Amino acid sequence: MAIRYDAIIIGTGQAGPSLAARLAGEGMKVAIIERKLFGGTCVNTGCIPTKTLVASARAAYMARRGQEFGVTLEGSIAVDMKRVKERKDGVVAKSNQGVEKWLKNTENCTVYEGQGCFEDSHSLRVGEALLEAEKIFINVGGRAFVPSFSRISWTASEMSSSSRWIKRDALSTIVTWLPKRRYIWPNSRPM
């Protein structure tokens, strides 16, 4: 027997949590489904981890320029990639857990963890649960694609995960390369 909702949201990325909270706050009975990681691409492998890594790189860059600002530091400036990754992982975990806790504590909102599969235009199955709603919002993430003309030798999954960039020790390359070139693809215009 199906569980009836006013709205079902598939995915907890950018728009999903705020939409669920808004609809639930209006008194609607809402279900939200997450297959893997709360917060989606931005929180887990995109925006947040990337900006955290860039902030660490920027701190090292500014420390190396300290003399220009009248700041004298003893010894050389070194980047401890293990600590950079630990910091990034901590920021990501806090964001991920924050989204999960928010959703699970939102009144009128039920969280389902698992793969949502359409049964028909108004019903979805998540594990053994059959969910129905007139309104179903698809808020699923994207996957990286490396075009065949690319000079990049990484796989799509390596391109989309900032953790893999650290493992490939690419951060120092990206930090020094991007500011000089300001564009990635051949024949593209500088920013």
N, C-alpha and C. Protein backbone atom coordinates (compact mmCIF):
# COMPACT_ATOMS: atom_id res chain seq x y z
N MET A 1 0.84 -1.19 0.00
CA MET A 1 0.00 0.00 0.00
C MET A 1 0.89 1.25 0.00
N ALA A 2 0.54 2.19 -0.82
CA ALA A 2 1.35 3.40 -0.99
C ALA A 2 1.15 4.38 0.16
N ILE A 3 2.24 5.10 0.46
CA ILE A 3 2.19 6.19 1.44
C ILE A 3 2.00 7.47 0.63
N ARG A 4 0.97 8.22 0.97
CA ARG A 4 0.59 9.40 0.21
C ARG A 4 1.25 10.66 0.77
N TYR A 5 1.82 11.47 -0.12
CA TYR A 5 2.43 12.76 0.24
C TYR A 5 1.87 13.84 -0.67
N ASP A 6 1.98 15.08 -0.22
CA ASP A 6 1.62 16.21 -1.07
C ASP A 6 2.70 16.46 -2.11
N ALA A 7 3.96 16.21 -1.72
CA ALA A 7 5.09 16.41 -2.62
C ALA A 7 6.21 15.44 -2.27
N ILE A 8 6.91 15.00 -3.30
CA ILE A 8 8.10 14.16 -3.13
C ILE A 8 9.25 14.88 -3.82
N ILE A 9 10.39 14.94 -3.16
CA ILE A 9 11.58 15.56 -3.72
C ILE A 9 12.66 14.49 -3.80
N ILE A 10 13.24 14.33 -4.97
CA ILE A 10 14.31 13.36 -5.16
C ILE A 10 15.63 14.11 -5.16
N GLY A 11 16.43 13.90 -4.14
CA GLY A 11 17.74 14.53 -4.05
C GLY A 11 17.81 15.64 -3.02
N THR A 12 18.93 15.68 -2.29
CA THR A 12 19.10 16.68 -1.23
C THR A 12 20.19 17.69 -1.58
N GLY A 13 20.40 17.90 -2.87
CA GLY A 13 21.38 18.90 -3.31
C GLY A 13 20.84 20.31 -3.18
N GLN A 14 21.40 21.23 -3.96
CA GLN A 14 21.12 22.66 -3.87
C GLN A 14 19.69 23.05 -3.51
N ALA A 15 18.72 22.67 -4.31
CA ALA A 15 17.34 23.14 -4.12
C ALA A 15 16.50 22.24 -3.23
N GLY A 16 16.84 20.97 -3.13
CA GLY A 16 16.00 20.00 -2.43
C GLY A 16 15.66 20.33 -0.98
N PRO A 17 16.66 20.55 -0.13
CA PRO A 17 16.37 20.82 1.28
C PRO A 17 15.54 22.07 1.52
N SER A 18 15.87 23.17 0.83
CA SER A 18 15.10 24.40 1.04
C SER A 18 13.68 24.26 0.50
N LEU A 19 13.51 23.55 -0.60
CA LEU A 19 12.17 23.30 -1.12
C LEU A 19 11.37 22.44 -0.14
N ALA A 20 11.99 21.39 0.38
CA ALA A 20 11.31 20.52 1.35
C ALA A 20 10.89 21.31 2.58
N ALA A 21 11.79 22.14 3.11
CA ALA A 21 11.48 22.92 4.31
C ALA A 21 10.36 23.93 4.02
N ARG A 22 10.40 24.56 2.86
CA ARG A 22 9.38 25.55 2.50
C ARG A 22 8.00 24.90 2.37
N LEU A 23 7.94 23.77 1.65
CA LEU A 23 6.67 23.09 1.47
C LEU A 23 6.15 22.54 2.81
N ALA A 24 7.03 21.95 3.59
CA ALA A 24 6.64 21.41 4.90
C ALA A 24 6.18 22.54 5.82
N GLY A 25 6.84 23.69 5.73
CA GLY A 25 6.46 24.85 6.53
C GLY A 25 5.09 25.39 6.16
N GLU A 26 4.67 25.15 4.93
CA GLU A 26 3.33 25.56 4.47
C GLU A 26 2.27 24.52 4.85
N GLY A 27 2.70 23.49 5.57
CA GLY A 27 1.76 22.47 6.03
C GLY A 27 1.61 21.28 5.11
N MET A 28 2.41 21.22 4.05
CA MET A 28 2.34 20.07 3.15
C MET A 28 3.10 18.88 3.74
N LYS A 29 2.60 17.70 3.46
CA LYS A 29 3.28 16.46 3.86
C LYS A 29 4.29 16.13 2.76
N VAL A 30 5.58 16.15 3.12
CA VAL A 30 6.67 16.06 2.14
C VAL A 30 7.54 14.84 2.41
N ALA A 31 7.96 14.18 1.33
CA ALA A 31 8.98 13.13 1.40
C ALA A 31 10.17 13.62 0.60
N ILE A 32 11.37 13.39 1.12
CA ILE A 32 12.59 13.71 0.38
C ILE A 32 13.45 12.45 0.37
N ILE A 33 14.01 12.15 -0.79
CA ILE A 33 14.77 10.92 -0.99
C ILE A 33 16.23 11.28 -1.27
N GLU A 34 17.14 10.60 -0.58
CA GLU A 34 18.57 10.77 -0.85
C GLU A 34 19.21 9.41 -1.06
N ARG A 35 19.86 9.25 -2.18
CA ARG A 35 20.49 7.99 -2.55
C ARG A 35 21.82 7.77 -1.85
N LYS A 36 22.61 8.85 -1.70
CA LYS A 36 23.97 8.65 -1.22
C LYS A 36 24.38 9.65 -0.15
N LEU A 37 24.72 10.88 -0.53
CA LEU A 37 25.28 11.85 0.40
C LEU A 37 24.38 13.09 0.51
N PHE A 38 23.97 13.41 1.73
CA PHE A 38 23.14 14.59 1.96
C PHE A 38 23.92 15.84 1.56
N GLY A 39 23.25 16.72 0.85
CA GLY A 39 23.88 17.96 0.40
C GLY A 39 24.27 17.94 -1.06
N GLY A 40 24.31 16.78 -1.65
CA GLY A 40 24.59 16.67 -3.08
C GLY A 40 26.02 17.00 -3.47
N THR A 41 26.19 17.29 -4.73
CA THR A 41 27.51 17.53 -5.30
C THR A 41 28.20 18.74 -4.67
N CYS A 42 27.48 19.84 -4.52
CA CYS A 42 28.10 21.07 -4.00
C CYS A 42 28.73 20.84 -2.62
N VAL A 43 27.99 20.24 -1.73
CA VAL A 43 28.48 20.02 -0.37
C VAL A 43 29.58 18.97 -0.31
N ASN A 44 29.44 17.90 -1.06
CA ASN A 44 30.31 16.74 -0.88
C ASN A 44 31.52 16.65 -1.79
N THR A 45 31.41 17.03 -3.05
CA THR A 45 32.54 16.88 -3.97
C THR A 45 32.78 18.10 -4.84
N GLY A 46 31.95 19.12 -4.72
CA GLY A 46 32.06 20.27 -5.61
C GLY A 46 32.46 21.55 -4.91
N CYS A 47 31.50 22.43 -4.76
CA CYS A 47 31.74 23.80 -4.28
C CYS A 47 32.47 23.88 -2.94
N ILE A 48 31.92 23.23 -1.94
CA ILE A 48 32.46 23.39 -0.58
C ILE A 48 33.88 22.82 -0.46
N PRO A 49 34.11 21.57 -0.86
CA PRO A 49 35.49 21.08 -0.74
C PRO A 49 36.47 21.85 -1.62
N THR A 50 36.05 22.24 -2.80
CA THR A 50 36.93 22.98 -3.69
C THR A 50 37.29 24.34 -3.09
N LYS A 51 36.30 25.06 -2.58
CA LYS A 51 36.57 26.36 -1.97
C LYS A 51 37.43 26.23 -0.72
N THR A 52 37.27 25.13 0.00
CA THR A 52 38.09 24.89 1.19
C THR A 52 39.54 24.68 0.78
N LEU A 53 39.76 23.90 -0.28
CA LEU A 53 41.12 23.69 -0.78
C LEU A 53 41.73 24.99 -1.31
N VAL A 54 40.94 25.76 -2.02
CA VAL A 54 41.43 27.03 -2.55
C VAL A 54 41.78 27.98 -1.40
N ALA A 55 41.00 27.96 -0.32
CA ALA A 55 41.31 28.82 0.84
C ALA A 55 42.66 28.44 1.45
N SER A 56 42.94 27.14 1.53
CA SER A 56 44.25 26.70 2.05
C SER A 56 45.37 27.14 1.12
N ALA A 57 45.16 27.00 -0.18
CA ALA A 57 46.17 27.43 -1.15
C ALA A 57 46.38 28.94 -1.05
N ARG A 58 45.30 29.67 -0.89
CA ARG A 58 45.40 31.14 -0.77
C ARG A 58 46.17 31.54 0.49
N ALA A 59 45.93 30.82 1.59
CA ALA A 59 46.65 31.11 2.83
C ALA A 59 48.15 30.91 2.63
N ALA A 60 48.55 29.84 1.95
CA ALA A 60 49.97 29.59 1.68
C ALA A 60 50.54 30.67 0.77
N TYR A 61 49.77 31.04 -0.23
CA TYR A 61 50.19 32.08 -1.17
C TYR A 61 50.43 33.39 -0.43
N MET A 62 49.49 33.78 0.41
CA MET A 62 49.62 35.04 1.15
C MET A 62 50.76 34.98 2.16
N ALA A 63 50.96 33.81 2.79
CA ALA A 63 52.07 33.67 3.74
C ALA A 63 53.40 33.87 3.02
N ARG A 64 53.50 33.34 1.81
CA ARG A 64 54.74 33.50 1.03
C ARG A 64 54.96 34.96 0.63
N ARG A 65 53.91 35.75 0.57
CA ARG A 65 54.01 37.16 0.21
C ARG A 65 54.06 38.06 1.46
N GLY A 66 54.20 37.48 2.62
CA GLY A 66 54.16 38.22 3.87
C GLY A 66 55.08 39.43 3.91
N GLN A 67 56.27 39.31 3.37
CA GLN A 67 57.24 40.42 3.39
C GLN A 67 56.67 41.66 2.72
N GLU A 68 55.88 41.47 1.66
CA GLU A 68 55.28 42.61 0.96
C GLU A 68 54.34 43.40 1.86
N PHE A 69 53.83 42.76 2.90
CA PHE A 69 52.87 43.37 3.81
C PHE A 69 53.49 43.71 5.16
N GLY A 70 54.80 43.58 5.24
CA GLY A 70 55.49 43.88 6.48
C GLY A 70 55.42 42.77 7.51
N VAL A 71 55.12 41.57 7.07
CA VAL A 71 55.02 40.42 7.97
C VAL A 71 56.24 39.54 7.76
N THR A 72 56.97 39.30 8.84
CA THR A 72 58.15 38.46 8.75
C THR A 72 57.86 37.13 9.43
N LEU A 73 58.08 36.07 8.69
CA LEU A 73 57.88 34.72 9.21
C LEU A 73 59.21 34.00 9.23
N GLU A 74 59.46 33.27 10.31
CA GLU A 74 60.69 32.50 10.42
C GLU A 74 60.54 31.19 9.67
N GLY A 75 61.55 30.79 8.94
CA GLY A 75 61.53 29.52 8.22
C GLY A 75 60.75 29.59 6.92
N SER A 76 60.71 28.45 6.24
CA SER A 76 60.02 28.41 4.95
C SER A 76 58.54 28.09 5.16
N ILE A 77 57.74 28.43 4.20
CA ILE A 77 56.31 28.15 4.22
C ILE A 77 56.11 26.79 3.55
N ALA A 78 55.46 25.88 4.23
CA ALA A 78 55.21 24.55 3.68
C ALA A 78 53.73 24.23 3.80
N VAL A 79 53.23 23.43 2.88
CA VAL A 79 51.84 23.01 2.89
C VAL A 79 51.80 21.54 3.29
N ASP A 80 51.06 21.25 4.35
CA ASP A 80 50.88 19.88 4.83
C ASP A 80 49.57 19.36 4.22
N MET A 81 49.68 18.64 3.11
CA MET A 81 48.49 18.20 2.38
C MET A 81 47.59 17.29 3.22
N LYS A 82 48.17 16.55 4.14
CA LYS A 82 47.34 15.70 5.00
C LYS A 82 46.42 16.58 5.86
N ARG A 83 46.97 17.65 6.42
CA ARG A 83 46.16 18.56 7.24
C ARG A 83 45.17 19.36 6.38
N VAL A 84 45.57 19.72 5.18
CA VAL A 84 44.66 20.42 4.26
C VAL A 84 43.46 19.52 3.99
N LYS A 85 43.71 18.24 3.70
CA LYS A 85 42.63 17.30 3.42
C LYS A 85 41.77 17.08 4.66
N GLU A 86 42.39 16.95 5.83
CA GLU A 86 41.61 16.79 7.07
C GLU A 86 40.70 17.98 7.31
N ARG A 87 41.20 19.18 7.06
CA ARG A 87 40.37 20.38 7.23
C ARG A 87 39.21 20.36 6.25
N LYS A 88 39.50 20.04 4.99
CA LYS A 88 38.46 19.96 3.97
C LYS A 88 37.42 18.92 4.34
N ASP A 89 37.86 17.75 4.78
CA ASP A 89 36.93 16.68 5.17
C ASP A 89 36.05 17.11 6.34
N GLY A 90 36.61 17.87 7.28
CA GLY A 90 35.85 18.36 8.43
C GLY A 90 34.77 19.35 8.02
N VAL A 91 35.12 20.26 7.12
CA VAL A 91 34.14 21.25 6.63
C VAL A 91 33.03 20.54 5.87
N VAL A 92 33.38 19.57 5.02
CA VAL A 92 32.39 18.82 4.26
C VAL A 92 31.48 18.04 5.20
N ALA A 93 32.06 17.35 6.18
CA ALA A 93 31.26 16.55 7.12
C ALA A 93 30.27 17.42 7.89
N LYS A 94 30.73 18.58 8.33
CA LYS A 94 29.84 19.49 9.07
C LYS A 94 28.66 19.93 8.20
N SER A 95 28.93 20.25 6.95
CA SER A 95 27.86 20.67 6.03
C SER A 95 26.92 19.51 5.73
N ASN A 96 27.49 18.36 5.40
CA ASN A 96 26.71 17.17 5.08
C ASN A 96 25.80 16.77 6.24
N GLN A 97 26.37 16.70 7.43
CA GLN A 97 25.59 16.33 8.62
C GLN A 97 24.57 17.39 8.98
N GLY A 98 24.90 18.65 8.72
CA GLY A 98 23.95 19.73 8.98
C GLY A 98 22.71 19.63 8.12
N VAL A 99 22.89 19.32 6.83
CA VAL A 99 21.75 19.16 5.92
C VAL A 99 20.91 17.97 6.37
N GLU A 100 21.57 16.86 6.69
CA GLU A 100 20.84 15.66 7.12
C GLU A 100 20.03 15.91 8.39
N LYS A 101 20.66 16.53 9.38
CA LYS A 101 19.97 16.81 10.65
C LYS A 101 18.80 17.77 10.43
N TRP A 102 19.00 18.80 9.63
CA TRP A 102 17.95 19.77 9.34
C TRP A 102 16.74 19.07 8.74
N LEU A 103 16.97 18.26 7.72
CA LEU A 103 15.85 17.57 7.06
C LEU A 103 15.14 16.61 8.00
N LYS A 104 15.90 15.84 8.75
CA LYS A 104 15.30 14.83 9.63
C LYS A 104 14.55 15.45 10.80
N ASN A 105 14.85 16.71 11.11
CA ASN A 105 14.16 17.41 12.19
C ASN A 105 13.09 18.38 11.69
N THR A 106 12.85 18.39 10.39
CA THR A 106 11.83 19.28 9.82
C THR A 106 10.46 18.64 9.96
N GLU A 107 9.56 19.34 10.63
CA GLU A 107 8.19 18.85 10.80
C GLU A 107 7.51 18.71 9.44
N ASN A 108 6.71 17.69 9.27
CA ASN A 108 5.98 17.38 8.03
C ASN A 108 6.88 16.86 6.92
N CYS A 109 8.13 16.54 7.22
CA CYS A 109 9.07 16.07 6.21
C CYS A 109 9.61 14.69 6.63
N THR A 110 9.47 13.73 5.74
CA THR A 110 10.00 12.38 5.98
C THR A 110 11.16 12.14 5.04
N VAL A 111 12.29 11.70 5.60
CA VAL A 111 13.49 11.43 4.81
C VAL A 111 13.57 9.94 4.50
N TYR A 112 13.78 9.63 3.24
CA TYR A 112 14.01 8.24 2.80
C TYR A 112 15.42 8.16 2.25
N GLU A 113 16.17 7.19 2.75
CA GLU A 113 17.53 7.00 2.25
C GLU A 113 17.56 5.77 1.35
N GLY A 114 17.92 5.98 0.10
CA GLY A 114 17.97 4.91 -0.88
C GLY A 114 17.69 5.44 -2.26
N GLN A 115 17.72 4.54 -3.23
CA GLN A 115 17.47 4.88 -4.63
C GLN A 115 15.97 4.99 -4.86
N GLY A 116 15.53 6.12 -5.41
CA GLY A 116 14.13 6.29 -5.77
C GLY A 116 13.91 5.86 -7.21
N CYS A 117 12.97 4.96 -7.42
CA CYS A 117 12.66 4.47 -8.77
C CYS A 117 11.19 4.72 -9.08
N PHE A 118 10.92 5.36 -10.21
CA PHE A 118 9.55 5.63 -10.60
C PHE A 118 8.80 4.33 -10.90
N GLU A 119 7.59 4.23 -10.36
CA GLU A 119 6.67 3.13 -10.69
C GLU A 119 5.71 3.60 -11.78
N ASP A 120 5.30 4.87 -11.68
CA ASP A 120 4.50 5.52 -12.72
C ASP A 120 4.67 7.03 -12.52
N SER A 121 3.87 7.84 -13.18
CA SER A 121 4.08 9.28 -13.15
C SER A 121 3.83 9.94 -11.80
N HIS A 122 3.20 9.24 -10.87
CA HIS A 122 2.91 9.83 -9.55
C HIS A 122 3.35 8.95 -8.39
N SER A 123 4.17 7.93 -8.66
CA SER A 123 4.62 7.08 -7.55
C SER A 123 6.07 6.63 -7.75
N LEU A 124 6.72 6.49 -6.62
CA LEU A 124 8.13 6.08 -6.56
C LEU A 124 8.29 4.97 -5.53
N ARG A 125 9.27 4.12 -5.76
CA ARG A 125 9.62 3.10 -4.78
C ARG A 125 11.02 3.39 -4.26
N VAL A 126 11.14 3.35 -2.93
CA VAL A 126 12.43 3.47 -2.26
C VAL A 126 12.53 2.24 -1.36
N GLY A 127 13.36 1.29 -1.77
CA GLY A 127 13.40 0.02 -1.03
C GLY A 127 12.04 -0.65 -1.10
N GLU A 128 11.47 -0.94 0.06
CA GLU A 128 10.14 -1.57 0.12
C GLU A 128 9.01 -0.55 0.15
N ALA A 129 9.33 0.71 0.38
CA ALA A 129 8.30 1.75 0.50
C ALA A 129 7.83 2.25 -0.85
N LEU A 130 6.52 2.32 -1.03
CA LEU A 130 5.92 2.89 -2.23
C LEU A 130 5.35 4.26 -1.85
N LEU A 131 5.81 5.30 -2.51
CA LEU A 131 5.40 6.68 -2.19
C LEU A 131 4.61 7.24 -3.36
N GLU A 132 3.57 8.03 -3.05
CA GLU A 132 2.74 8.66 -4.08
C GLU A 132 2.60 10.14 -3.80
N ALA A 133 2.56 10.95 -4.87
CA ALA A 133 2.31 12.38 -4.75
C ALA A 133 1.91 12.93 -6.10
N GLU A 134 1.12 13.99 -6.08
CA GLU A 134 0.78 14.69 -7.32
C GLU A 134 1.98 15.48 -7.83
N LYS A 135 2.78 16.00 -6.88
CA LYS A 135 3.93 16.82 -7.25
C LYS A 135 5.21 16.04 -6.91
N ILE A 136 6.04 15.81 -7.92
CA ILE A 136 7.33 15.15 -7.72
C ILE A 136 8.40 16.05 -8.34
N PHE A 137 9.37 16.45 -7.51
CA PHE A 137 10.44 17.33 -7.95
C PHE A 137 11.73 16.52 -8.08
N ILE A 138 12.32 16.56 -9.25
CA ILE A 138 13.56 15.83 -9.50
C ILE A 138 14.72 16.80 -9.31
N ASN A 139 15.51 16.56 -8.28
CA ASN A 139 16.61 17.44 -7.89
C ASN A 139 17.89 16.61 -7.78
N VAL A 140 18.18 15.87 -8.83
CA VAL A 140 19.35 14.99 -8.81
C VAL A 140 20.56 15.71 -9.34
N GLY A 141 21.73 15.26 -8.94
CA GLY A 141 22.97 15.91 -9.33
C GLY A 141 23.46 15.51 -10.70
N GLY A 142 24.62 15.97 -11.02
CA GLY A 142 25.24 15.67 -12.30
C GLY A 142 26.48 14.82 -12.11
N ARG A 143 27.00 14.39 -13.20
CA ARG A 143 28.25 13.62 -13.19
C ARG A 143 29.22 14.31 -14.15
N ALA A 144 30.48 14.25 -13.80
CA ALA A 144 31.50 14.87 -14.65
C ALA A 144 31.64 14.12 -15.96
N PHE A 145 32.01 14.86 -16.98
CA PHE A 145 32.25 14.29 -18.30
C PHE A 145 33.54 14.90 -18.83
N VAL A 146 34.46 14.06 -19.24
CA VAL A 146 35.71 14.55 -19.81
C VAL A 146 35.60 14.36 -21.32
N PRO A 147 35.53 15.46 -22.07
CA PRO A 147 35.36 15.34 -23.52
C PRO A 147 36.55 14.65 -24.19
N SER A 148 36.31 14.02 -25.31
CA SER A 148 37.35 13.27 -26.00
C SER A 148 38.48 14.16 -26.51
N PHE A 149 38.21 15.45 -26.74
CA PHE A 149 39.26 16.35 -27.22
C PHE A 149 40.13 16.90 -26.09
N SER A 150 39.79 16.54 -24.85
CA SER A 150 40.50 17.08 -23.70
C SER A 150 41.93 16.56 -23.61
N ARG A 151 42.79 17.39 -23.12
CA ARG A 151 44.18 16.99 -22.86
C ARG A 151 44.33 16.40 -21.46
N ILE A 152 43.24 16.30 -20.76
CA ILE A 152 43.25 15.78 -19.38
C ILE A 152 43.18 14.26 -19.43
N SER A 153 44.05 13.60 -18.69
CA SER A 153 44.10 12.14 -18.73
C SER A 153 43.34 11.49 -17.58
N TRP A 154 42.58 12.26 -16.82
CA TRP A 154 41.84 11.71 -15.69
C TRP A 154 40.49 11.17 -16.16
N THR A 155 39.92 10.31 -15.33
CA THR A 155 38.57 9.83 -15.60
C THR A 155 37.57 10.86 -15.10
N ALA A 156 36.31 10.70 -15.50
CA ALA A 156 35.26 11.63 -15.06
C ALA A 156 35.12 11.63 -13.55
N SER A 157 35.20 10.46 -12.90
CA SER A 157 35.05 10.42 -11.44
C SER A 157 36.23 11.11 -10.76
N GLU A 158 37.42 11.03 -11.32
CA GLU A 158 38.56 11.74 -10.74
C GLU A 158 38.39 13.24 -10.88
N MET A 159 37.84 13.69 -11.99
CA MET A 159 37.64 15.12 -12.21
C MET A 159 36.63 15.71 -11.24
N SER A 160 35.63 14.91 -10.83
CA SER A 160 34.54 15.45 -10.02
C SER A 160 34.79 15.36 -8.53
N SER A 161 35.90 14.83 -8.09
CA SER A 161 36.13 14.68 -6.67
C SER A 161 37.39 15.42 -6.24
N SER A 162 37.22 16.41 -5.37
CA SER A 162 38.37 17.16 -4.90
C SER A 162 39.31 16.29 -4.09
N SER A 163 38.81 15.22 -3.45
CA SER A 163 39.67 14.31 -2.70
C SER A 163 40.66 13.62 -3.63
N ARG A 164 40.20 13.28 -4.82
CA ARG A 164 41.09 12.63 -5.78
C ARG A 164 42.15 13.60 -6.29
N TRP A 165 41.82 14.89 -6.32
CA TRP A 165 42.81 15.87 -6.74
C TRP A 165 43.96 15.88 -5.76
N ILE A 166 43.64 15.75 -4.47
CA ILE A 166 44.70 15.72 -3.46
C ILE A 166 45.54 14.46 -3.62
N LYS A 167 44.88 13.33 -3.83
CA LYS A 167 45.60 12.07 -3.99
C LYS A 167 46.54 12.14 -5.19
N ARG A 168 46.14 12.84 -6.23
CA ARG A 168 46.99 12.97 -7.42
C ARG A 168 47.99 14.11 -7.24
N ASP A 169 47.97 14.74 -6.04
CA ASP A 169 48.84 15.86 -5.71
C ASP A 169 48.75 16.97 -6.76
N ALA A 170 47.53 17.25 -7.16
CA ALA A 170 47.30 18.23 -8.22
C ALA A 170 47.08 19.63 -7.70
N LEU A 171 46.84 19.78 -6.40
CA LEU A 171 46.49 21.11 -5.89
C LEU A 171 47.55 22.14 -6.22
N SER A 172 48.82 21.82 -6.00
CA SER A 172 49.87 22.81 -6.27
C SER A 172 49.93 23.15 -7.75
N THR A 173 49.68 22.17 -8.61
CA THR A 173 49.67 22.42 -10.05
C THR A 173 48.53 23.36 -10.42
N ILE A 174 47.34 23.08 -9.91
CA ILE A 174 46.17 23.90 -10.22
C ILE A 174 46.37 25.32 -9.70
N VAL A 175 46.86 25.43 -8.47
CA VAL A 175 47.01 26.75 -7.85
C VAL A 175 47.98 27.61 -8.64
N THR A 176 49.07 27.04 -9.15
CA THR A 176 50.03 27.86 -9.89
C THR A 176 49.63 28.02 -11.35
N TRP A 177 48.92 27.04 -11.91
CA TRP A 177 48.58 27.09 -13.33
C TRP A 177 47.39 27.99 -13.63
N LEU A 178 46.30 27.83 -12.89
CA LEU A 178 45.08 28.58 -13.20
C LEU A 178 45.25 30.09 -13.11
N PRO A 179 45.86 30.63 -12.05
CA PRO A 179 45.96 32.10 -12.00
C PRO A 179 46.75 32.68 -13.17
N LYS A 180 47.72 31.96 -13.70
CA LYS A 180 48.51 32.46 -14.82
C LYS A 180 47.72 32.41 -16.12
N ARG A 181 47.03 31.29 -16.34
CA ARG A 181 46.34 31.07 -17.62
C ARG A 181 44.93 31.64 -17.58
N ARG A 182 44.24 31.48 -16.49
CA ARG A 182 42.87 31.95 -16.28
C ARG A 182 41.87 31.31 -17.22
N TYR A 183 42.21 30.28 -17.87
CA TYR A 183 41.28 29.50 -18.65
C TYR A 183 41.82 28.09 -18.76
N ILE A 184 40.94 27.15 -19.03
CA ILE A 184 41.33 25.75 -19.01
C ILE A 184 41.45 25.17 -20.41
N TRP A 185 40.43 25.34 -21.24
CA TRP A 185 40.40 24.66 -22.54
C TRP A 185 41.21 25.43 -23.58
N PRO A 186 41.88 24.70 -24.47
CA PRO A 186 42.59 25.37 -25.56
C PRO A 186 41.58 26.18 -26.40
N ASN A 187 42.02 27.27 -26.94
CA ASN A 187 41.20 28.12 -27.81
C ASN A 187 40.07 28.84 -27.06
N SER A 188 40.03 28.77 -25.73
CA SER A 188 39.01 29.53 -25.01
C SER A 188 39.62 30.89 -24.64
N ARG A 189 38.77 31.84 -24.39
CA ARG A 189 39.22 33.18 -24.09
C ARG A 189 39.59 33.31 -22.61
N PRO A 190 40.61 34.08 -22.28
CA PRO A 190 40.93 34.34 -20.87
C PRO A 190 39.79 35.06 -20.19
N MET A 191 39.66 34.85 -18.88
CA MET A 191 38.62 35.53 -18.10
C MET A 191 39.07 36.91 -17.71
